[in-house]
Protein backbone atom coordinates (compact mmCIF):
# COMPACT_ATOMS: atom_id res chain seq x y z
CA ASP A 1 40.92 68.96 99.01
CA LEU A 2 38.69 66.37 97.33
CA LYS A 3 37.63 67.41 94.39
CA ASN A 4 41.37 68.38 94.04
CA LEU A 5 41.45 64.51 94.55
CA ILE A 6 39.15 63.41 92.26
CA THR A 7 39.41 65.39 89.49
CA PRO A 8 42.76 63.04 88.12
CA ILE A 9 41.09 60.18 89.32
CA SER A 10 37.86 60.72 87.16
CA SER A 11 40.34 62.11 84.28
CA PHE A 12 42.49 58.62 83.97
CA LEU A 13 39.27 56.27 84.02
CA ILE A 14 37.84 59.00 81.63
CA HIS A 15 40.82 58.43 78.95
CA THR A 16 40.91 54.64 79.75
CA ASP A 17 37.74 53.55 78.74
CA ASP A 18 36.84 50.76 76.52
CA ARG A 19 40.43 50.18 76.78
CA TYR A 20 39.47 46.76 78.39
CA PRO A 21 36.68 43.93 76.18
CA PRO A 22 33.69 43.30 77.85
CA ASP A 23 32.41 41.28 80.50
CA SER A 24 36.39 40.92 82.34
CA PRO A 25 37.25 41.51 85.21
CA GLU A 26 39.13 44.16 84.03
CA ALA A 27 36.00 45.98 82.91
CA GLU A 28 34.01 45.13 85.91
CA VAL A 29 36.77 46.74 88.31
CA HIS A 30 36.38 49.36 86.04
CA ALA A 31 33.00 50.38 85.78
CA SER A 32 32.68 50.27 89.34
CA ALA A 33 35.47 52.47 89.65
CA ARG A 34 34.15 54.92 87.36
CA ARG A 35 30.33 54.89 89.81
CA SER A 36 32.54 55.45 93.47
CA VAL A 37 34.29 58.42 91.32
CA ARG A 38 30.90 59.70 90.74
CA ILE A 39 29.12 59.19 94.37
CA MET A 40 32.37 60.48 96.02
CA THR A 41 32.09 63.56 93.31
CA ASP A 42 28.35 63.96 94.44
CA TYR A 43 29.19 64.10 98.12
CA VAL A 44 31.70 66.67 97.77
CA ARG A 45 29.34 69.41 95.32
CA GLU A 46 26.96 68.49 98.29
CA ALA A 47 28.74 68.93 100.84
CA LEU A 48 29.98 72.24 99.22
CA PHE A 49 26.10 73.44 99.16
CA PHE A 50 25.12 73.38 102.03
CA SER A 51 28.39 75.42 104.02
CA GLU A 52 27.68 78.10 101.46
CA ARG A 53 26.00 81.15 103.46
CA LEU A 54 23.51 81.64 100.22
CA ALA A 55 21.95 84.70 99.66
CA PRO A 56 18.83 84.36 97.32
CA LYS A 57 18.97 86.86 93.74
CA TYR A 58 15.63 87.69 93.24
CA GLU A 59 14.12 87.67 89.59
CA ALA A 60 10.72 87.35 88.12
CA VAL A 61 10.12 83.47 87.68
CA ASP A 62 8.87 81.49 84.62
CA LEU A 63 7.74 77.96 86.23
CA GLY A 64 6.68 76.53 83.72
CA ARG A 65 10.47 76.50 81.93
CA ILE A 66 12.58 76.00 86.17
CA PHE A 67 9.42 72.73 85.50
CA ARG A 68 11.42 72.04 81.54
CA ASP A 69 14.70 72.48 83.25
CA VAL A 70 14.22 70.32 86.10
CA SER A 71 12.12 67.48 84.41
CA GLY A 72 15.52 67.33 81.88
CA LEU A 73 18.41 67.39 84.42
CA THR A 74 16.34 64.23 86.06
CA ALA A 75 15.66 62.20 82.84
CA SER A 76 18.91 60.16 82.69
CA ARG A 77 17.90 59.01 86.29
CA ALA A 78 14.08 58.33 85.51
CA ALA A 79 15.22 56.83 82.25
CA ARG A 80 17.80 54.26 84.44
CA GLN A 81 14.73 53.32 87.17
CA GLY A 82 11.79 53.88 84.16
CA VAL A 83 9.80 55.79 85.97
CA ARG A 84 7.80 58.56 84.41
CA VAL A 85 8.33 62.50 85.33
CA SER A 86 4.73 64.68 85.14
CA GLU A 87 4.93 68.45 84.63
CA SER A 88 2.02 70.13 85.68
CA VAL A 89 1.25 74.30 86.06
CA ASN A 90 -1.99 75.64 87.62
CA TYR A 91 -0.61 78.80 88.39
CA ALA A 92 -0.66 82.12 86.65
CA GLY A 93 0.41 84.77 88.95
CA PRO A 94 3.64 85.99 89.59
CA LEU A 95 6.74 84.48 91.53
CA THR A 96 9.61 86.16 92.17
CA ALA A 97 11.91 84.16 93.60
CA ASP A 98 15.58 82.53 93.25
CA ALA A 99 15.38 81.02 90.21
CA VAL A 100 18.90 78.76 90.10
CA LEU A 101 17.75 77.86 94.35
CA LEU A 102 14.18 76.47 93.35
CA GLN A 103 15.29 74.49 90.34
CA ARG A 104 17.78 72.84 92.82
CA MET A 105 15.63 72.72 95.30
CA LEU A 106 13.41 70.86 92.50
CA ALA A 107 15.60 68.76 91.08
CA ASN A 108 16.34 66.99 93.62
CA LEU A 109 13.17 66.39 95.50
CA VAL A 110 12.25 65.00 92.37
CA HIS A 111 15.58 62.90 92.21
CA ASN A 112 14.53 61.52 95.98
CA ALA A 113 10.62 60.21 94.16
CA ILE A 114 12.71 58.38 91.95
CA ASP A 115 14.94 56.91 93.61
CA ALA A 116 12.11 55.46 95.51
CA SER A 117 9.94 54.88 92.56
CA PRO A 118 9.96 51.18 91.49
CA PRO A 119 9.50 50.85 87.74
CA GLY A 120 6.31 51.41 85.65
CA LYS A 121 5.27 54.86 88.30
CA THR A 122 5.30 58.44 88.29
CA VAL A 123 6.39 61.35 89.71
CA THR A 124 4.49 64.45 89.46
CA LEU A 125 6.65 68.12 89.83
CA SER A 126 3.27 70.98 90.35
CA ALA A 127 2.59 73.95 90.92
CA GLY A 128 -0.44 75.64 91.69
CA PRO A 129 -2.03 78.49 94.53
CA SER A 130 -1.73 78.10 98.21
CA ARG A 131 -2.68 80.13 100.83
CA GLY A 132 -3.24 83.82 100.76
CA GLY A 133 -1.72 84.34 97.51
CA TRP A 134 1.25 82.21 97.73
CA VAL A 135 2.54 79.14 95.39
CA ARG A 136 2.15 75.77 96.44
CA LEU A 137 5.28 73.59 94.64
CA GLN A 138 4.91 69.87 95.58
CA VAL A 139 6.99 66.72 94.15
CA ALA A 140 4.91 63.38 94.90
CA ASP A 141 5.99 59.96 93.74
CA GLU A 142 4.09 56.39 93.87
CA GLY A 143 7.06 55.01 95.83
CA CYS A 144 8.57 52.55 98.75
CA GLY A 145 7.27 55.58 101.05
CA ILE A 146 8.76 56.76 104.90
CA ALA A 147 8.33 54.77 107.30
CA SER A 148 6.85 57.31 110.61
CA GLY A 149 9.49 56.78 113.23
CA ASP A 150 11.67 58.53 110.31
CA LEU A 151 9.28 61.79 109.18
CA GLN A 152 11.07 63.39 111.54
CA ARG A 153 14.57 63.13 111.76
CA ILE A 154 14.39 63.77 107.52
CA PHE A 155 15.48 66.96 107.99
CA ASP A 156 18.42 66.65 110.06
CA PRO A 157 22.12 67.25 108.07
CA TYR A 158 23.09 64.18 107.15
CA PHE A 159 20.28 61.81 108.40
CA THR A 160 19.36 59.50 105.01
CA THR A 161 17.33 56.51 105.10
CA LYS A 162 19.45 55.97 101.20
CA GLN A 163 21.71 52.81 102.05
CA TYR A 164 20.93 50.66 99.25
CA GLY A 165 23.45 50.61 95.88
CA ASP A 166 25.68 52.42 94.68
CA ASP A 167 23.52 54.90 92.51
CA VAL A 168 20.99 55.49 94.65
CA ARG A 169 22.69 55.83 98.50
CA GLY A 170 22.53 58.81 99.75
CA PHE A 171 24.69 61.46 101.64
CA GLY A 172 21.45 62.78 103.91
CA LEU A 173 22.11 66.35 102.67
CA GLY A 174 19.61 66.53 99.69
CA LEU A 175 16.63 67.26 102.04
CA THR A 176 18.02 69.98 104.55
CA ILE A 177 19.41 71.43 101.19
CA CYS A 178 15.80 71.96 100.46
CA GLN A 179 14.40 73.16 103.99
CA LYS A 180 17.01 75.97 103.59
CA ILE A 181 15.87 77.42 100.22
CA ALA A 182 12.95 76.94 100.98
CA HIS A 183 13.64 78.50 104.80
CA LEU A 184 15.30 81.28 102.50
CA HIS A 185 13.24 82.61 100.62
CA GLU A 186 10.55 82.60 103.52
CA GLY A 187 8.82 80.13 102.47
CA ASP A 188 7.94 75.99 104.51
CA ILE A 189 9.04 72.77 103.45
CA SER A 190 6.97 69.62 105.34
CA VAL A 191 6.19 66.10 103.83
CA ARG A 192 4.10 63.69 103.73
CA SER A 193 5.13 59.52 103.22
CA GLU A 194 3.17 56.44 104.03
CA THR A 195 5.05 52.99 103.61
CA GLY A 196 3.91 51.30 100.46
CA ARG A 197 2.64 53.35 98.92
CA GLY A 198 4.38 56.90 98.22
CA THR A 199 5.32 60.55 99.17
CA THR A 200 4.21 64.18 99.11
CA VAL A 201 6.75 67.03 99.34
CA THR A 202 4.97 70.10 99.32
CA VAL A 203 6.90 73.57 99.48
CA ASP A 204 5.42 77.22 99.74
CA LEU A 205 7.22 80.40 99.19
CA PRO A 206 5.97 83.83 99.29
CA SER A 207 5.39 85.10 95.57
CA ALA A 208 7.11 88.46 96.58
CA PRO A 209 9.72 88.62 98.21
CA PRO A 210 10.25 89.44 102.34
CA ALA A 211 10.98 92.66 102.90
CA GLN A 212 13.70 91.60 105.45
CA PRO A 213 15.01 87.98 104.41
CA ARG A 214 16.02 85.71 106.25
CA ALA A 215 20.09 85.40 106.96
CA ASP A 216 21.73 82.11 106.18
CA THR A 217 22.94 80.84 109.82
CA THR A 218 23.41 77.04 108.23
CA ALA A 219 27.09 77.54 107.28
CA PRO A 220 30.13 77.22 109.72
């Protein structure tokens, strides 16, 4: 219902773009409305995705391609923030997983890393071997870090530390969705962070699908 209500507002704002003189009060209000609609749309999209009962669709995955797609999806945010996204794939073995879910998970993590990074810093997206033939995916930043008291709660639904600015205010489902995707693949996700020095999120995944896939019990 909310998505249907937002659609005509968004359409009106698109069709009235450039109608008002630059730097006028009307243009400022119009730009603010565009930002607000974009934020609401993101909120609704995250909530709908979180509520879905997911089942991974396993296929042979090309990590290089996924990394390139994630870099493309996050490029505009990185450019606005003045942050560079670096890719490194040091895994030559096979990986069977849901490529769409992995892309969604990594894009969420890279977006978080960009938002936490000051201009001029680098976000690193990497892949390498892990324990027992598993695959390790990591997203590391050189940003503000996460307070130790918040680390215990970062995977809780609707908990967020991003409460500043129109562009980066969080809804609190991004990391919860990442955890959901990792667990659906029978993998693990962990976070290491130091305030003022940055954060590294590590996702360890089995290279082959489990014999008995884990059921998704997060949806109502």
